Protein backbone atom coordinates (compact mmCIF):
# COMPACT_ATOMS: atom_id res chain seq x y z
CA MET A 1 -8.45 147.61 110.64
CA SER A 2 -11.15 149.79 112.83
CA PRO A 3 -11.51 148.97 116.07
CA ARG A 4 -14.69 147.63 115.63
CA THR A 5 -14.29 145.49 113.03
CA ALA A 6 -11.32 142.25 111.30
CA VAL A 7 -10.48 140.21 108.33
CA PRO A 8 -13.87 137.78 108.48
CA ALA A 9 -12.52 134.28 109.95
CA PRO A 10 -13.63 132.40 106.82
CA VAL A 11 -10.74 134.38 105.23
CA LEU A 12 -7.99 133.60 107.38
CA HIS A 13 -8.88 129.47 107.48
CA ALA A 14 -8.68 130.27 103.38
CA ALA A 15 -5.94 131.59 103.38
CA ALA A 16 -4.04 129.18 106.04
CA LEU A 17 -5.77 126.16 103.63
CA LEU A 18 -4.06 127.31 101.22
CA LEU A 19 -0.58 128.07 102.84
CA ALA A 20 -0.53 125.37 104.12
CA VAL A 21 -1.20 122.88 101.05
CA GLY A 22 0.37 125.20 98.75
CA CYS A 23 3.56 124.06 101.46
CA LEU A 24 3.07 120.57 101.09
CA ALA A 25 2.79 120.23 97.35
CA VAL A 26 6.38 122.37 97.86
CA THR A 27 7.36 119.70 100.26
CA LEU A 28 6.73 116.76 98.55
CA TRP A 29 7.97 118.07 95.02
CA TYR A 30 11.56 118.61 96.16
CA GLY A 31 11.41 116.42 98.72
CA LEU A 32 12.06 116.96 102.66
CA ASP A 33 15.39 117.76 103.55
CA GLU A 34 16.98 116.18 106.57
CA PRO A 35 13.99 114.16 107.19
CA ARG A 36 15.26 113.17 110.73
CA THR A 37 15.28 116.39 112.18
CA ALA A 38 11.63 117.51 110.38
CA LEU A 39 10.40 113.73 112.48
CA ALA A 40 11.36 114.88 115.13
CA PHE A 41 9.83 118.66 115.41
CA GLY A 42 7.19 116.73 113.86
CA VAL A 43 6.77 114.32 117.26
CA LEU A 44 7.35 117.31 119.05
CA VAL A 45 4.27 119.84 117.92
CA ALA A 46 2.64 116.65 117.79
CA VAL A 47 2.53 115.65 120.62
CA GLY A 48 2.09 119.03 122.00
CA GLU A 49 -1.37 119.48 120.31
CA LEU A 50 -2.07 115.65 121.94
CA ALA A 51 -1.85 117.54 125.28
CA ARG A 52 -3.00 120.79 125.36
CA ARG A 53 -5.94 121.69 126.93
CA GLY A 54 -10.01 121.40 125.50
CA ASP A 55 -10.90 124.89 128.02
CA PRO A 56 -13.61 126.50 125.73
CA ALA A 57 -13.99 129.35 128.73
CA ASP A 58 -10.13 130.20 127.23
CA ASP A 59 -8.53 131.36 124.19
CA ARG A 60 -5.77 131.34 125.98
CA GLU A 61 -2.63 129.50 124.45
CA SER A 62 -3.09 126.41 124.81
CA ALA A 63 -0.44 123.85 123.62
CA PRO A 64 2.55 125.98 125.23
CA LEU A 65 4.75 122.72 123.47
CA GLY A 66 3.35 122.32 120.36
CA ALA A 67 3.81 126.05 120.59
CA ALA A 68 7.64 126.41 120.95
CA GLY A 69 8.24 123.81 119.07
CA ALA A 70 6.73 125.06 115.78
CA LEU A 71 8.51 128.26 116.47
CA ALA A 72 11.98 126.51 117.25
CA TYR A 73 11.32 124.93 114.00
CA ALA A 74 10.81 128.32 112.13
CA LEU A 75 14.54 129.68 114.15
CA LEU A 76 16.20 126.70 113.45
CA GLY A 77 19.54 127.14 111.66
CA GLU A 78 22.04 125.11 112.03
CA ASP A 79 21.40 121.20 113.78
CA GLY A 80 24.71 120.13 116.00
CA GLY A 81 27.05 122.39 113.65
CA GLN A 82 25.29 121.58 110.33
CA PRO A 83 23.25 124.07 108.90
CA THR A 84 20.27 122.94 108.04
CA GLN A 85 18.60 123.45 104.84
CA HIS A 86 14.91 123.06 104.84
CA GLY A 87 12.97 126.74 104.23
CA VAL A 88 9.71 128.43 104.51
CA PRO A 89 7.69 125.33 102.52
CA GLN A 90 8.84 122.51 104.94
CA VAL A 91 9.11 124.79 107.90
CA VAL A 92 5.16 125.09 107.18
CA ALA A 93 4.44 121.88 105.88
CA VAL A 94 6.08 119.63 108.51
CA VAL A 95 4.04 121.97 111.35
CA ALA A 96 0.84 121.87 109.56
CA ALA A 97 0.84 117.80 109.18
CA ALA A 98 1.81 117.61 112.77
CA ALA A 99 -0.85 119.78 114.00
CA LEU A 100 -3.70 118.38 112.28
CA VAL A 101 -2.31 114.27 113.70
CA GLY A 102 -2.54 115.76 117.38
CA CYS A 103 -5.23 118.08 116.40
CA VAL A 104 -7.25 114.32 115.86
CA PRO A 105 -8.85 113.64 119.38
CA HIS A 106 -10.03 116.66 119.70
CA VAL A 107 -11.55 117.01 116.66
CA ALA A 108 -13.01 113.67 117.96
CA ARG A 109 -14.41 115.01 121.03
CA GLY A 110 -15.28 118.26 119.91
CA ARG A 111 -12.98 119.78 122.07
CA GLY A 112 -12.42 123.39 121.49
CA SER A 113 -12.35 125.73 117.97
CA THR A 114 -9.85 123.48 116.23
CA ALA A 115 -10.34 125.38 112.54
CA ASP A 116 -8.95 129.00 114.35
CA HIS A 117 -6.37 126.79 116.38
CA LEU A 118 -4.85 125.65 113.42
CA THR A 119 -4.82 128.69 111.19
CA ARG A 120 -3.55 130.45 113.94
CA ARG A 121 -0.61 127.64 114.25
CA VAL A 122 0.00 127.78 110.42
CA LEU A 123 0.06 131.41 109.80
CA ALA A 124 2.26 132.28 113.34
CA VAL A 125 4.72 129.76 112.33
CA GLY A 126 4.42 130.89 108.11
CA SER A 127 5.22 134.52 108.85
CA THR A 128 8.08 133.84 111.57
CA ALA A 129 9.48 130.90 109.45
CA LEU A 130 9.47 133.79 106.24
CA CYS A 131 11.61 136.15 108.23
CA PHE A 132 14.48 134.27 109.36
CA GLN A 133 14.98 131.02 106.75
CA PRO A 134 15.41 133.74 103.68
CA LEU A 135 18.11 135.01 105.32
CA TYR A 136 19.64 132.88 106.77
CA ASP A 137 19.40 131.17 103.80
CA GLN A 138 21.11 133.94 102.02
CA GLY A 139 24.51 133.79 104.54
CA ARG A 140 23.11 137.52 105.21
CA SER A 141 24.29 136.86 108.93
CA GLN A 142 27.79 136.30 107.78
CA GLU A 143 28.09 139.58 106.75
CA TRP A 144 27.61 141.15 110.56
CA SER A 145 31.12 142.45 111.15
CA GLY A 146 29.88 142.98 114.99
CA SER A 147 28.54 140.85 117.35
CA PRO A 148 27.06 137.43 117.11
CA HIS A 149 26.25 137.38 120.05
CA THR A 150 24.36 141.04 119.31
CA LEU A 151 23.32 139.41 116.11
CA LEU A 152 21.83 136.83 117.65
CA LEU A 153 19.82 138.24 120.65
CA GLY A 154 18.83 141.48 117.94
CA VAL A 155 17.46 139.13 115.61
CA LEU A 156 15.80 136.79 117.82
CA GLY A 157 14.31 139.85 119.59
CA VAL A 158 12.63 141.17 116.51
CA LEU A 159 11.20 138.00 115.35
CA PHE A 160 9.91 137.47 118.71
CA GLY A 161 8.00 140.70 118.78
CA LEU A 162 6.89 140.04 115.24
CA GLY A 163 5.47 136.49 115.73
CA ALA A 164 3.55 137.22 119.50
CA LEU A 165 2.87 140.25 117.20
CA CYS A 166 0.96 138.23 113.79
CA ASP A 167 -0.44 135.45 116.54
CA ALA A 168 -1.75 138.24 118.79
CA VAL A 169 -3.30 139.96 115.84
CA LEU A 170 -5.11 136.53 114.82
CA ALA A 171 -6.47 135.05 118.14
CA ALA A 172 -7.84 138.03 118.12
CA ALA A 173 -9.12 138.68 114.79
CA LEU A 174 -10.51 135.46 115.08
CA ALA A 175 -12.39 135.87 118.68
CA HIS A 176 -13.97 138.91 116.38
CA SER A 177 -15.77 137.04 114.22
CA ARG A 178 -17.21 133.89 116.66
CA THR A 179 -18.18 136.34 119.59
CA GLY A 180 -18.99 139.74 117.59
CA ARG A 181 -16.99 141.30 120.09
CA PRO A 182 -15.05 144.62 119.79
CA TYR A 183 -11.65 144.29 118.11
CA GLY A 184 -10.15 146.78 119.64
CA PRO A 185 -9.99 145.20 123.14
CA LEU A 186 -9.55 141.25 121.87
CA LEU A 187 -6.15 142.80 120.76
CA ARG A 188 -5.28 144.05 124.65
CA ASP A 189 -6.62 141.28 125.42
CA GLU A 190 -4.55 138.81 123.81
CA LEU A 191 -1.34 141.78 123.58
CA ARG A 192 -1.50 141.24 127.20
CA ALA A 193 -1.99 137.60 127.32
CA MET A 194 1.79 137.45 126.07
CA ALA A 195 3.33 138.69 129.67
CA GLY A 196 2.15 135.16 131.02
CA ILE A 197 2.57 131.97 129.17
CA GLY A 198 3.00 133.72 126.08
CA SER A 199 6.37 134.37 127.07
CA ALA A 200 7.37 131.38 128.52
CA VAL A 201 5.94 129.47 124.52
CA CYS A 202 8.72 132.65 122.71
CA ALA A 203 11.32 132.45 125.44
CA SER A 204 11.33 128.17 124.89
CA GLY A 205 11.23 128.29 121.39
CA VAL A 206 13.58 131.24 121.11
CA VAL A 207 16.35 129.45 123.64
CA MET A 208 15.36 125.73 121.70
CA ALA A 209 16.86 126.70 118.40
CA PRO A 210 20.27 127.57 119.37
CA ALA A 211 20.94 124.53 121.82
CA VAL A 212 19.81 122.56 118.54
CA ALA A 213 22.37 124.37 116.56
CA VAL A 214 24.46 122.96 119.20
CA VAL A 215 24.41 119.78 120.97
CA GLY A 216 21.65 118.91 118.53
CA LEU A 217 18.07 117.13 118.68
CA TRP A 218 18.88 116.00 122.14
CA ALA A 219 18.24 119.76 123.41
CA LEU A 220 14.71 119.00 122.87
CA PRO A 221 13.50 116.67 125.42
CA VAL A 222 15.30 118.52 127.71
CA PHE A 223 14.10 122.04 126.83
CA SER A 224 10.70 120.67 126.37
CA LEU A 225 10.93 119.76 130.44
CA PRO A 226 10.31 123.53 131.96
CA LEU A 227 7.33 124.08 129.46
CA LEU A 228 5.65 121.32 129.93
CA LEU A 229 6.23 122.30 134.20
CA ALA A 230 4.52 125.55 133.40
CA GLN A 231 1.57 123.78 131.80
CA VAL A 232 0.95 121.37 134.56
CA SER A 233 0.94 124.39 136.97
CA TYR A 234 -1.15 126.09 134.24
CA ARG A 235 -3.81 123.62 134.67
CA ARG A 236 -3.66 123.05 137.94
CA TYR A 237 -4.29 127.38 137.98
CA ALA A 238 -7.24 126.10 135.99
CA ALA A 239 -9.10 124.22 137.90
CA VAL A 240 -8.60 126.51 140.82
CA ARG A 241 -10.67 129.09 138.56
CA THR A 242 -13.13 126.16 137.68
CA THR A 243 -13.77 126.30 141.48
CA ASN A 244 -14.25 129.84 142.14
CA ARG A 245 -16.91 129.65 139.32
CA GLN A 246 -18.91 126.87 141.34
CA THR A 247 -18.44 128.74 143.68
CA ILE A 248 -19.74 131.87 143.10
CA ALA A 249 -22.65 130.28 140.51
CA SER A 250 -23.80 128.25 144.00
CA LEU A 251 -23.38 131.61 145.88
CA ALA A 252 -25.91 133.29 142.78
CA ARG A 253 -28.47 130.95 143.91
CA ALA A 254 -28.19 130.96 147.41
CA THR A 255 -30.83 134.15 147.28
CA GLU A 256 -33.41 131.78 144.85
CA ILE A 257 -33.35 129.04 147.56
CA ALA A 258 -34.35 131.55 150.29
CA GLY A 259 -37.19 132.84 148.33
CA TYR A 260 -35.54 136.48 148.50
CA THR A 261 -35.27 136.37 144.10
CA PRO A 262 -37.23 134.97 141.24
CA VAL A 263 -35.67 131.65 139.71
CA GLY A 264 -33.14 132.47 137.44
CA HIS A 265 -33.22 136.43 137.71
CA ALA A 266 -29.60 136.17 138.86
CA ARG A 267 -27.92 134.40 135.60
CA ARG A 268 -30.21 136.47 133.32
CA VAL A 269 -29.04 140.00 135.02
CA ALA A 270 -25.32 138.11 134.73
CA VAL A 271 -25.61 137.32 130.33
CA LEU A 272 -27.64 140.62 129.68
CA SER A 273 -25.08 142.90 131.46
CA ARG A 274 -21.75 140.74 129.72
CA ALA A 275 -23.77 141.73 126.50
CA VAL A 276 -24.00 145.57 127.29
CA GLY A 277 -20.53 145.31 129.35
CA ARG A 278 -19.30 144.10 125.27
CA ASP A 279 -21.26 146.12 123.85
CA LEU A 280 -19.33 149.30 125.89
CA GLY A 281 -15.74 147.62 124.78
CA LEU A 282 -14.67 146.39 128.11
CA THR A 283 -11.75 143.63 128.28
CA GLY A 284 -11.96 140.44 129.22
CA PRO A 285 -10.87 140.61 132.76
CA GLU A 286 -13.25 143.37 133.29
CA LEU A 287 -16.10 141.18 131.47
CA THR A 288 -14.92 138.69 134.35
CA VAL A 289 -15.45 141.39 136.98
CA LEU A 290 -18.84 142.34 135.47
CA GLU A 291 -20.21 138.67 135.60
CA TYR A 292 -19.22 137.65 138.76
CA ALA A 293 -20.42 140.91 139.86
CA ALA A 294 -23.42 140.76 138.40
CA LEU A 295 -24.55 136.90 139.80
CA MET A 296 -24.15 137.66 143.59
CA HIS A 297 -25.21 141.11 143.04
CA ASP A 298 -28.38 140.49 145.16
CA ILE A 299 -26.81 138.78 147.70
CA GLY A 300 -27.15 141.23 150.32
CA GLN A 301 -30.87 140.90 149.94
CA LEU A 302 -30.16 137.53 152.46
CA SER A 303 -29.77 139.91 155.61
CA LEU A 304 -33.27 141.20 154.82
CA VAL A 305 -35.83 139.82 157.55
CA ASP A 306 -38.80 139.95 154.83
CA PRO A 307 -37.94 139.48 151.10
CA VAL A 308 -38.42 142.48 149.32
CA PRO A 309 -41.70 141.46 146.68
CA ALA A 310 -40.07 139.86 143.45
CA GLY A 311 -36.78 140.71 145.10
CA ALA A 312 -37.07 144.39 142.93
CA THR A 313 -34.35 146.44 144.56
CA ALA A 314 -35.01 149.31 142.21
CA VAL A 315 -37.95 150.47 143.82
CA LEU A 316 -36.47 150.46 147.31
CA PRO A 317 -35.53 154.07 149.06
CA PRO A 318 -32.05 154.77 148.25
CA GLU A 319 -30.80 154.03 151.80
CA GLN A 320 -31.91 151.07 151.66
CA GLN A 321 -30.58 150.17 148.40
CA ARG A 322 -27.55 151.20 149.89
CA ARG A 323 -27.92 149.23 152.79
CA ILE A 324 -28.38 145.85 150.98
CA ALA A 325 -25.24 146.39 149.13
CA LEU A 326 -22.89 147.60 151.04
CA LEU A 327 -24.46 144.17 153.39
CA GLY A 328 -23.73 142.03 149.51
CA GLY A 329 -20.20 143.55 149.07
CA ALA A 330 -19.08 142.11 152.83
CA VAL A 331 -20.07 138.85 152.00
CA VAL A 332 -18.50 138.65 148.27
CA ARG A 333 -15.28 139.71 150.10
CA ARG A 334 -15.66 136.55 152.93
CA THR A 335 -15.51 134.24 149.43
CA GLY A 336 -12.53 134.51 148.39
CA VAL A 337 -12.99 136.71 144.97
CA ALA A 338 -11.41 139.44 143.64
CA ALA A 339 -11.91 142.74 145.81
CA GLU A 340 -12.73 144.36 143.15
CA VAL A 341 -16.02 142.11 142.90
CA ALA A 342 -16.52 143.60 145.79
CA LEU A 343 -16.69 147.37 144.72
CA VAL A 344 -18.79 146.39 141.91
CA VAL A 345 -21.04 145.16 144.24
CA GLU A 346 -21.00 147.42 146.98
CA ARG A 347 -20.98 150.59 144.59
CA GLN A 348 -24.19 149.73 143.12
CA ALA A 349 -26.78 151.32 144.64
CA ASP A 350 -24.41 154.30 144.34
CA PRO A 351 -25.62 157.44 142.26
CA TYR A 352 -24.19 156.71 138.68
CA ARG A 353 -21.78 159.55 138.40
CA GLU A 354 -20.05 157.82 141.55
CA GLN A 355 -19.89 154.35 139.79
CA PRO A 356 -17.36 152.30 138.51
CA VAL A 357 -18.59 150.97 134.86
CA SER A 358 -19.23 147.68 136.04
CA ALA A 359 -21.57 149.17 138.80
CA ARG A 360 -23.14 151.40 136.68
CA ILE A 361 -24.26 148.33 133.87
CA VAL A 362 -25.22 145.72 136.75
CA ARG A 363 -27.25 148.25 138.41
CA ALA A 364 -29.26 149.10 134.52
CA VAL A 365 -29.31 145.82 133.74
CA ASN A 366 -30.53 144.45 137.49
CA ALA A 367 -33.53 147.30 136.97
CA TYR A 368 -33.98 146.50 133.71
CA GLU A 369 -35.06 142.72 134.47
CA GLU A 370 -36.94 143.87 137.38
CA MET A 371 -39.20 146.40 134.99
CA ALA A 372 -39.55 143.73 132.09
CA ARG A 373 -40.42 141.20 135.07
CA ALA A 374 -43.31 143.10 135.88
CA ALA A 375 -44.76 144.75 133.12
CA GLY A 376 -45.57 141.70 131.20
CA ALA A 377 -45.71 141.31 127.18
CA GLY A 378 -44.86 145.26 127.03
CA GLY A 379 -42.68 145.25 129.98
CA PRO A 380 -38.98 145.13 127.68
CA LEU A 381 -40.27 148.36 125.86
CA ALA A 382 -41.70 149.97 129.14
CA ALA A 383 -38.95 149.17 131.15
CA LEU A 384 -36.18 150.78 128.83
CA GLU A 385 -38.59 153.93 128.37
CA ARG A 386 -38.96 154.32 132.76
CA LEU A 387 -34.55 153.72 132.40
CA ARG A 388 -33.73 156.41 129.57
CA LEU A 389 -36.35 158.00 132.22
CA GLY A 390 -34.01 157.57 134.60
CA THR A 391 -31.10 158.78 133.42
CA ALA A 392 -30.62 161.89 134.71
CA HIS A 393 -29.14 160.49 138.76
CA ASP A 394 -29.64 157.01 138.38
CA TYR A 395 -28.61 154.95 134.85
CA GLN A 396 -25.66 156.39 133.02
CA PRO A 397 -27.53 157.52 129.37
CA GLU A 398 -24.75 155.29 127.53
CA VAL A 399 -25.06 151.85 129.50
CA VAL A 400 -28.61 152.71 128.80
CA GLU A 401 -27.97 153.27 124.99
CA ALA A 402 -26.03 149.87 124.79
CA LEU A 403 -29.05 147.84 126.35
CA ALA A 404 -31.01 148.85 124.19
CA ARG A 405 -28.81 147.94 121.12
CA VAL A 406 -28.13 144.93 122.67
CA LEU A 407 -32.09 144.37 123.07
CA ALA A 408 -32.50 145.53 119.28
CA GLU A 409 -29.95 143.22 117.67
CA ASP A 410 -32.11 140.07 118.13
CA GLY A 411 -35.26 140.98 120.28
CA PRO A 412 -35.11 140.07 124.19
CA GLY A 413 -35.94 136.10 123.32
CA ASP A 414 -35.52 134.18 126.12
CA LEU A 415 -33.34 133.12 128.48
CA PRO A 416 -32.26 129.68 129.90
CA VAL A 417 -33.55 129.12 133.73
CA LEU A 418 -31.01 126.70 135.03
CA GLY A 419 -31.01 124.43 138.06
CA LEU A 420 -27.05 124.92 139.98
CA GLY A 421 -25.79 122.32 138.59
CA GLU A 422 -27.00 123.40 134.95
CA MET A 423 -25.37 126.86 136.12
CA GLN A 424 -22.36 125.33 137.55
CA GLY A 425 -21.52 123.00 134.18
CA SER A 426 -22.58 126.28 132.14
CA LEU A 427 -19.90 128.70 134.31
CA SER A 428 -16.97 126.09 133.99
CA GLY A 429 -17.32 125.20 131.07
CA GLU A 430 -18.31 121.77 131.15
CA GLY A 431 -21.67 120.91 131.14
CA PRO A 432 -24.33 120.84 129.19
CA GLY A 433 -25.28 124.35 129.52
CA ARG A 434 -23.86 127.69 127.42
CA GLY A 435 -20.93 129.45 129.28
CA LEU A 436 -22.14 132.94 130.21
CA SER A 437 -18.52 134.02 128.26
CA ASP A 438 -20.45 132.66 125.32
CA PRO A 439 -23.49 135.24 123.61
CA VAL A 440 -26.68 133.86 124.40
CA ARG A 441 -29.17 133.32 121.65
CA GLY A 442 -32.06 136.57 121.91
CA TRP A 443 -28.38 138.62 123.39
CA VAL A 444 -26.56 138.90 120.93
CA THR A 445 -24.12 141.42 121.55
CA HIS A 446 -22.69 143.71 118.26
CA GLY A 447 -19.40 144.21 116.02
């Protein structure tokens, strides 16, 4: 896979469907081994899927309990001291059927991307089971002459790495097909996320398997409880993030309500800045900082006694631009938003060679939006030409060309002008508007 391409989502969906159907057919033909064990793990996976959150703004592991149960079943070799007889087909069939049952309410409510979620679950569990079950069934572990604990740690460590890597690769490929973002940054985001809830999922799954091997199925509820508590904590954290988004949306509207900037200006700059950031390969956290800074980039104008005509700060003297930017950064720091956001707001008026990448993007996109609005029908082309003429000092050439590519994809189009309630809903992923994390019609990024 190149840094900007990956296997298309339909191919992965088809592969997961064929694998699930094939394994289900084999299981039905030969019969279900250890039905009690299969039922226990199936119920665990289904309950985990039912409890998963449907946050469309977050593509990370949304069903940690279901993922841990599926991984544990793939790594199960004994049950209460007795060897198990199930193989790879039964593991995939049970997990796929249970996940499908647990996803029914989410499909009915239209929450999240169920097809992508099931594809990741089936392919990741299938690859993990394929690595473990044949070796165990063939008695390879019996041939090990060293310490059994060393063997266990080695095998589980390797399987942990392979399973996590497989899931990260699949998640990045599916996100690439869905959003058009470059594959490389998406994969880096997924690998970084493994240090969070992903590590808890894999650790729980790895511990569940040997626990069931020793004490039986009673280990499942015991080792599921910590993961449920972790999921509750994660949901609380998500609620705090939603509150932060709503606060930022309100601040972004402050300059519009006070008459300092045109209605929808902050929203348009944020959407287009995020599209340019995607084209330049910024990672997920960097895009979030960029988005928040773009929403609040004009907050410093509230310090002005007389509003700038049409809120166009790009035509102001450099000293006044820097003063507004510094005051805006001071306001942002008092909101509790990440310091990186305030830094971008403060540095947006500096010469581009001294700016961080996010500040370069905000400056160029803000200038483009102001120039295009002022120039009328021929504004987009005229604004781009003026930006290119300013690349010697004011605007980074790579940012301007990325902006041109984004605009050329489908044309400038019409950005939505949202009210406060719609903007808050869009930022939180709960309202009718499209979330800022999703491409907006007319502002499509390059894959």
